[in-house]
Amino acid sequence: MPSYEEDLSEFERRNAQVLGISTDQVFSNEAWAKSMGGLSYPLLSDNWPYGYACAQYGVLRGEGRAERAIFVVDRQGVIRYIDIHDISEPPPTDKIMEALDKLR
């Protein structure tokens, strides 16, 4: 997620809103973001009902954590790009930018 902070101007140039979502509680998200120096985009908590949004998107893992997943959603609410990565691998930002460019 820090890499998205670094590329925020590129997201803004493409009229995209970056949102993070985690199954952790709000206070855990806030502490995590603070430990990285803060985030300038929203980090949402999908903690109650536990993992509901992640389950709806099909990315809630069996042990209750969310997959590392990227969704590009257009203005009509249609998912235009999905990228699910191993939790230890950062998703490639260039692929996300390509998906956003296709929405123009």
Protein backbone atom coordinates (compact mmCIF):
# COMPACT_ATOMS: atom_id res chain seq x y z
CA MET A 1 0.00 0.00 0.00
CA PRO A 2 2.86 2.44 0.47
CA SER A 3 3.59 2.09 -3.26
CA TYR A 4 0.13 3.47 -4.01
CA GLU A 5 0.96 6.46 -1.85
CA GLU A 6 4.04 7.01 -4.02
CA ASP A 7 1.93 6.78 -7.20
CA LEU A 8 -1.04 8.77 -5.92
CA SER A 9 -0.49 11.59 -8.44
CA GLU A 10 -0.74 9.05 -11.28
CA PHE A 11 -4.01 7.71 -9.87
CA GLU A 12 -5.33 11.26 -9.52
CA ARG A 13 -4.28 12.07 -13.09
CA ARG A 14 -6.47 9.16 -14.19
CA ASN A 15 -9.41 10.36 -12.06
CA ALA A 16 -9.14 7.29 -9.80
CA GLN A 17 -9.86 7.08 -6.09
CA VAL A 18 -7.61 4.68 -4.19
CA LEU A 19 -9.22 2.85 -1.27
CA GLY A 20 -7.70 0.22 0.96
CA ILE A 21 -9.80 -2.35 2.78
CA SER A 22 -8.81 -4.78 5.50
CA THR A 23 -10.61 -7.20 7.79
CA ASP A 24 -8.75 -5.62 10.71
CA GLN A 25 -10.50 -3.31 13.15
CA VAL A 26 -10.36 0.45 12.65
CA PHE A 27 -7.85 1.02 15.46
CA SER A 28 -5.54 -1.65 13.96
CA ASN A 29 -5.75 -0.03 10.53
CA GLU A 30 -4.98 3.36 12.03
CA ALA A 31 -1.96 2.02 13.95
CA TRP A 32 -0.66 0.21 10.87
CA ALA A 33 -1.02 3.29 8.65
CA LYS A 34 0.65 5.44 11.31
CA SER A 35 3.57 2.99 11.54
CA MET A 36 4.21 3.59 7.83
CA GLY A 37 4.06 7.35 8.17
CA GLY A 38 0.36 7.64 7.32
CA LEU A 39 -1.74 7.27 4.19
CA SER A 40 -3.45 10.07 2.30
CA TYR A 41 -6.24 7.83 1.00
CA PRO A 42 -8.97 6.01 2.94
CA LEU A 43 -8.22 2.69 4.62
CA LEU A 44 -11.52 0.96 5.36
CA SER A 45 -12.32 -1.70 7.94
CA ASP A 46 -14.34 -4.74 6.84
CA ASN A 47 -14.49 -6.03 10.39
CA TRP A 48 -18.23 -6.08 11.15
CA PRO A 49 -19.95 -8.10 10.01
CA TYR A 50 -16.57 -9.73 9.76
CA GLY A 51 -15.23 -9.82 6.20
CA TYR A 52 -18.61 -9.21 4.56
CA ALA A 53 -17.34 -7.02 1.72
CA CYS A 54 -14.31 -9.24 1.13
CA ALA A 55 -16.58 -12.31 0.98
CA GLN A 56 -18.88 -10.54 -1.50
CA TYR A 57 -15.88 -9.89 -3.75
CA GLY A 58 -14.67 -13.49 -3.32
CA VAL A 59 -11.38 -12.62 -1.63
CA LEU A 60 -11.94 -13.70 1.98
CA ARG A 61 -9.52 -16.52 2.77
CA GLY A 62 -10.44 -19.50 4.95
CA GLU A 63 -8.57 -18.20 7.98
CA GLY A 64 -10.48 -14.92 7.80
CA ARG A 65 -7.91 -12.67 6.17
CA ALA A 66 -8.41 -11.00 2.83
CA GLU A 67 -6.39 -11.88 -0.25
CA ARG A 68 -4.18 -9.16 -1.63
CA ALA A 69 -6.57 -8.10 -4.35
CA ILE A 70 -6.97 -5.11 -6.64
CA PHE A 71 -10.29 -4.17 -8.18
CA VAL A 72 -10.75 -1.38 -10.68
CA VAL A 73 -14.40 -0.36 -10.63
CA ASP A 74 -15.81 2.08 -13.17
CA ARG A 75 -18.23 4.94 -12.40
CA GLN A 76 -21.21 2.66 -13.03
CA GLY A 77 -19.97 0.19 -10.40
CA VAL A 78 -18.83 -2.43 -12.91
CA ILE A 79 -15.61 -4.29 -12.06
CA ARG A 80 -13.25 -3.78 -15.01
CA TYR A 81 -10.05 -5.32 -13.66
CA ILE A 82 -9.20 -7.88 -10.97
CA ASP A 83 -5.74 -8.82 -9.80
CA ILE A 84 -5.29 -11.29 -6.92
CA HIS A 85 -1.75 -11.76 -5.65
CA ASP A 86 -0.02 -13.82 -3.03
CA ILE A 87 -0.08 -11.82 0.20
CA SER A 88 3.72 -11.55 0.17
CA GLU A 89 3.91 -10.10 -3.37
CA PRO A 90 3.12 -6.49 -4.24
CA PRO A 91 0.77 -6.19 -7.22
CA PRO A 92 2.26 -4.53 -10.31
CA THR A 93 1.14 -0.91 -10.41
CA ASP A 94 1.70 -0.69 -14.17
CA LYS A 95 -1.13 -3.20 -14.81
CA ILE A 96 -3.48 -1.15 -12.65
CA MET A 97 -2.58 2.01 -14.58
CA GLU A 98 -3.22 0.18 -17.88
CA ALA A 99 -6.67 -0.86 -16.64
CA LEU A 100 -7.43 2.72 -15.61
CA ASP A 101 -6.26 4.04 -18.97
CA LYS A 102 -8.75 1.73 -20.71
CA LEU A 103 -11.59 3.47 -18.83
CA ARG A 104 -10.86 6.85 -20.42
